[in-house]
Amino acid sequence: MAYQLSFSDKALKSLKRIPRSDNERIIAALEELAKDPDSKPNVKRLNNHAEAIFRLRVGNYRVLYDKYDALRIIAVIDVGHRKDIYE
């Protein structure tokens, strides 16, 4: 059973600022992640970030998210270019 995607206001605002072609790639990657969040090679656990626990790499963009296994939810916290997202 797939996980549900939940987006923070910050993530939605960030997605709107990303060019359409990249935006579509990010959404497609998130939909694939929701199908099976434990078997993605572009996922890394973060140690020093206050909000997100995981990051998904999609080209030059990064998606910061948290995963709630009991509720089967992936909460997308922020989306941004790799040079800006970790600030």
N, C-alpha and C. Protein backbone atom coordinates (compact mmCIF):
# COMPACT_ATOMS: atom_id res chain seq x y z
N MET A 1 0.84 -1.19 0.00
CA MET A 1 0.00 0.00 0.00
C MET A 1 0.88 1.25 0.00
N ALA A 2 0.53 2.21 -0.80
CA ALA A 2 1.33 3.42 -0.96
C ALA A 2 1.12 4.39 0.20
N TYR A 3 2.12 5.21 0.40
CA TYR A 3 2.03 6.28 1.38
C TYR A 3 1.30 7.46 0.75
N GLN A 4 0.71 8.31 1.59
CA GLN A 4 0.10 9.54 1.11
C GLN A 4 1.13 10.65 1.20
N LEU A 5 1.07 11.60 0.26
CA LEU A 5 1.95 12.75 0.28
C LEU A 5 1.23 13.93 0.93
N SER A 6 1.94 14.60 1.82
CA SER A 6 1.41 15.79 2.48
C SER A 6 2.45 16.90 2.30
N PHE A 7 2.02 18.08 1.86
CA PHE A 7 2.94 19.18 1.58
C PHE A 7 2.74 20.31 2.57
N SER A 8 3.84 20.83 3.10
CA SER A 8 3.77 22.02 3.95
C SER A 8 3.52 23.23 3.05
N ASP A 9 3.09 24.34 3.65
CA ASP A 9 2.89 25.57 2.88
C ASP A 9 4.20 26.03 2.24
N LYS A 10 5.28 25.88 2.98
CA LYS A 10 6.60 26.26 2.47
C LYS A 10 6.98 25.43 1.24
N ALA A 11 6.69 24.14 1.27
CA ALA A 11 7.01 23.27 0.14
C ALA A 11 6.16 23.63 -1.08
N LEU A 12 4.89 23.91 -0.88
CA LEU A 12 4.02 24.29 -2.00
C LEU A 12 4.48 25.59 -2.64
N LYS A 13 4.85 26.55 -1.80
CA LYS A 13 5.34 27.83 -2.32
C LYS A 13 6.64 27.64 -3.09
N SER A 14 7.51 26.81 -2.58
CA SER A 14 8.79 26.54 -3.26
C SER A 14 8.56 25.84 -4.60
N LEU A 15 7.63 24.89 -4.64
CA LEU A 15 7.33 24.18 -5.89
C LEU A 15 6.82 25.12 -6.97
N LYS A 16 6.05 26.12 -6.58
CA LYS A 16 5.51 27.07 -7.56
C LYS A 16 6.62 27.90 -8.21
N ARG A 17 7.72 28.11 -7.50
CA ARG A 17 8.83 28.92 -8.02
C ARG A 17 9.78 28.14 -8.92
N ILE A 18 9.66 26.84 -8.93
CA ILE A 18 10.56 25.99 -9.72
C ILE A 18 10.01 25.90 -11.15
N PRO A 19 10.90 25.92 -12.16
CA PRO A 19 10.44 25.80 -13.55
C PRO A 19 9.58 24.55 -13.76
N ARG A 20 8.61 24.66 -14.66
CA ARG A 20 7.60 23.62 -14.86
C ARG A 20 8.21 22.24 -15.13
N SER A 21 9.22 22.16 -15.99
CA SER A 21 9.79 20.84 -16.33
C SER A 21 10.42 20.18 -15.10
N ASP A 22 11.13 20.98 -14.30
CA ASP A 22 11.72 20.44 -13.07
C ASP A 22 10.64 20.09 -12.05
N ASN A 23 9.62 20.93 -11.99
CA ASN A 23 8.51 20.70 -11.08
C ASN A 23 7.84 19.36 -11.37
N GLU A 24 7.62 19.07 -12.65
CA GLU A 24 6.99 17.80 -13.03
C GLU A 24 7.88 16.61 -12.67
N ARG A 25 9.20 16.75 -12.83
CA ARG A 25 10.13 15.68 -12.45
C ARG A 25 10.09 15.44 -10.95
N ILE A 26 10.01 16.51 -10.18
CA ILE A 26 9.97 16.39 -8.71
C ILE A 26 8.69 15.69 -8.27
N ILE A 27 7.56 16.09 -8.84
CA ILE A 27 6.28 15.46 -8.50
C ILE A 27 6.29 13.98 -8.86
N ALA A 28 6.83 13.66 -10.04
CA ALA A 28 6.91 12.25 -10.46
C ALA A 28 7.80 11.45 -9.51
N ALA A 29 8.91 12.04 -9.08
CA ALA A 29 9.81 11.36 -8.14
C ALA A 29 9.13 11.14 -6.79
N LEU A 30 8.36 12.12 -6.35
CA LEU A 30 7.63 11.98 -5.08
C LEU A 30 6.55 10.90 -5.18
N GLU A 31 5.89 10.82 -6.32
CA GLU A 31 4.87 9.77 -6.49
C GLU A 31 5.51 8.39 -6.47
N GLU A 32 6.68 8.25 -7.07
CA GLU A 32 7.41 6.98 -7.02
C GLU A 32 7.86 6.67 -5.59
N LEU A 33 8.31 7.70 -4.88
CA LEU A 33 8.73 7.53 -3.49
C LEU A 33 7.56 7.06 -2.64
N ALA A 34 6.38 7.60 -2.89
CA ALA A 34 5.19 7.22 -2.11
C ALA A 34 4.82 5.76 -2.31
N LYS A 35 5.14 5.20 -3.47
CA LYS A 35 4.82 3.79 -3.73
C LYS A 35 5.68 2.86 -2.88
N ASP A 36 6.96 3.20 -2.72
CA ASP A 36 7.88 2.37 -1.94
C ASP A 36 9.00 3.23 -1.37
N PRO A 37 8.78 3.86 -0.23
CA PRO A 37 9.75 4.81 0.31
C PRO A 37 11.05 4.20 0.85
N ASP A 38 11.11 2.89 0.95
CA ASP A 38 12.31 2.28 1.53
C ASP A 38 13.31 1.77 0.51
N SER A 39 13.02 1.90 -0.78
CA SER A 39 13.92 1.32 -1.77
C SER A 39 14.41 2.33 -2.80
N LYS A 40 14.62 3.55 -2.41
CA LYS A 40 15.06 4.58 -3.34
C LYS A 40 16.55 4.88 -3.15
N PRO A 41 17.34 4.81 -4.24
CA PRO A 41 18.77 5.07 -4.12
C PRO A 41 19.11 6.55 -3.94
N ASN A 42 18.20 7.46 -4.30
CA ASN A 42 18.47 8.89 -4.19
C ASN A 42 17.99 9.48 -2.87
N VAL A 43 17.73 8.63 -1.91
CA VAL A 43 17.27 9.07 -0.59
C VAL A 43 18.42 8.94 0.39
N LYS A 44 18.57 9.97 1.22
CA LYS A 44 19.62 9.95 2.23
C LYS A 44 19.04 10.46 3.55
N ARG A 45 19.44 9.84 4.62
CA ARG A 45 19.02 10.28 5.95
C ARG A 45 19.88 11.48 6.36
N LEU A 46 19.25 12.53 6.86
CA LEU A 46 19.98 13.73 7.29
C LEU A 46 20.22 13.69 8.79
N ASN A 47 21.38 14.15 9.18
CA ASN A 47 21.72 14.15 10.60
C ASN A 47 21.62 15.53 11.24
N ASN A 48 21.97 16.57 10.51
CA ASN A 48 22.11 17.89 11.13
C ASN A 48 21.04 18.88 10.72
N HIS A 49 19.93 18.43 10.24
CA HIS A 49 18.86 19.34 9.83
C HIS A 49 17.75 19.29 10.87
N ALA A 50 17.29 20.45 11.29
CA ALA A 50 16.33 20.53 12.39
C ALA A 50 14.96 19.94 12.05
N GLU A 51 14.47 20.14 10.82
CA GLU A 51 13.10 19.75 10.50
C GLU A 51 13.00 18.38 9.83
N ALA A 52 13.70 18.22 8.74
CA ALA A 52 13.53 17.01 7.92
C ALA A 52 14.47 15.91 8.35
N ILE A 53 14.06 14.71 8.12
CA ILE A 53 14.89 13.57 8.45
C ILE A 53 15.51 12.98 7.19
N PHE A 54 14.85 13.11 6.05
CA PHE A 54 15.34 12.54 4.80
C PHE A 54 15.41 13.60 3.71
N ARG A 55 16.25 13.31 2.70
CA ARG A 55 16.27 14.15 1.51
C ARG A 55 16.22 13.26 0.28
N LEU A 56 15.48 13.71 -0.71
CA LEU A 56 15.37 13.03 -1.99
C LEU A 56 16.06 13.90 -3.02
N ARG A 57 16.98 13.31 -3.78
CA ARG A 57 17.71 14.05 -4.82
C ARG A 57 16.99 13.86 -6.15
N VAL A 58 16.65 14.99 -6.78
CA VAL A 58 16.01 14.98 -8.10
C VAL A 58 16.77 15.98 -8.96
N GLY A 59 17.78 15.51 -9.68
CA GLY A 59 18.62 16.41 -10.47
C GLY A 59 19.34 17.38 -9.55
N ASN A 60 19.20 18.68 -9.83
CA ASN A 60 19.83 19.71 -9.00
C ASN A 60 18.95 20.15 -7.84
N TYR A 61 17.81 19.52 -7.68
CA TYR A 61 16.88 19.89 -6.62
C TYR A 61 16.86 18.84 -5.52
N ARG A 62 16.51 19.29 -4.33
CA ARG A 62 16.41 18.42 -3.17
C ARG A 62 15.04 18.59 -2.54
N VAL A 63 14.48 17.47 -2.10
CA VAL A 63 13.20 17.47 -1.40
C VAL A 63 13.48 17.01 0.02
N LEU A 64 13.16 17.84 0.99
CA LEU A 64 13.33 17.48 2.40
C LEU A 64 11.98 17.00 2.92
N TYR A 65 12.00 15.83 3.55
CA TYR A 65 10.72 15.26 4.00
C TYR A 65 10.93 14.41 5.24
N ASP A 66 9.82 14.13 5.88
CA ASP A 66 9.79 13.23 7.02
C ASP A 66 8.81 12.11 6.67
N LYS A 67 9.03 10.95 7.23
CA LYS A 67 8.21 9.78 6.91
C LYS A 67 7.59 9.24 8.20
N TYR A 68 6.29 9.07 8.18
CA TYR A 68 5.56 8.54 9.33
C TYR A 68 5.01 7.17 8.95
N ASP A 69 5.72 6.13 9.34
CA ASP A 69 5.35 4.77 8.94
C ASP A 69 4.00 4.34 9.51
N ALA A 70 3.72 4.70 10.75
CA ALA A 70 2.47 4.27 11.38
C ALA A 70 1.25 4.85 10.66
N LEU A 71 1.38 6.08 10.17
CA LEU A 71 0.28 6.75 9.48
C LEU A 71 0.36 6.59 7.97
N ARG A 72 1.48 6.06 7.48
CA ARG A 72 1.74 5.89 6.04
C ARG A 72 1.66 7.23 5.31
N ILE A 73 2.38 8.21 5.86
CA ILE A 73 2.40 9.57 5.30
C ILE A 73 3.84 9.99 5.06
N ILE A 74 4.08 10.64 3.93
CA ILE A 74 5.34 11.32 3.66
C ILE A 74 5.03 12.80 3.69
N ALA A 75 5.59 13.51 4.66
CA ALA A 75 5.36 14.94 4.83
C ALA A 75 6.50 15.70 4.18
N VAL A 76 6.20 16.34 3.06
CA VAL A 76 7.21 17.13 2.34
C VAL A 76 7.34 18.47 3.04
N ILE A 77 8.54 18.77 3.53
CA ILE A 77 8.78 19.97 4.31
C ILE A 77 9.25 21.13 3.45
N ASP A 78 10.18 20.86 2.52
CA ASP A 78 10.69 21.93 1.66
C ASP A 78 11.26 21.33 0.38
N VAL A 79 11.29 22.14 -0.66
CA VAL A 79 11.85 21.77 -1.95
C VAL A 79 12.69 22.95 -2.42
N GLY A 80 13.89 22.66 -2.93
CA GLY A 80 14.71 23.76 -3.42
C GLY A 80 15.94 23.28 -4.14
N HIS A 81 16.65 24.25 -4.72
CA HIS A 81 17.90 23.95 -5.41
C HIS A 81 18.93 23.48 -4.39
N ARG A 82 19.81 22.60 -4.81
CA ARG A 82 20.76 21.98 -3.89
C ARG A 82 21.67 22.99 -3.20
N LYS A 83 21.94 24.14 -3.82
CA LYS A 83 22.82 25.13 -3.19
C LYS A 83 22.11 25.94 -2.11
N ASP A 84 20.77 25.95 -2.13
CA ASP A 84 20.01 26.79 -1.20
C ASP A 84 19.25 26.02 -0.12
N ILE A 85 18.97 24.77 -0.34
CA ILE A 85 18.00 24.05 0.49
C ILE A 85 18.48 23.80 1.92
N TYR A 86 19.77 23.66 2.13
CA TYR A 86 20.26 23.29 3.46
C TYR A 86 20.54 24.48 4.37
N GLU A 87 20.25 25.68 3.91
CA GLU A 87 20.53 26.88 4.72
C GLU A 87 19.49 27.10 5.78
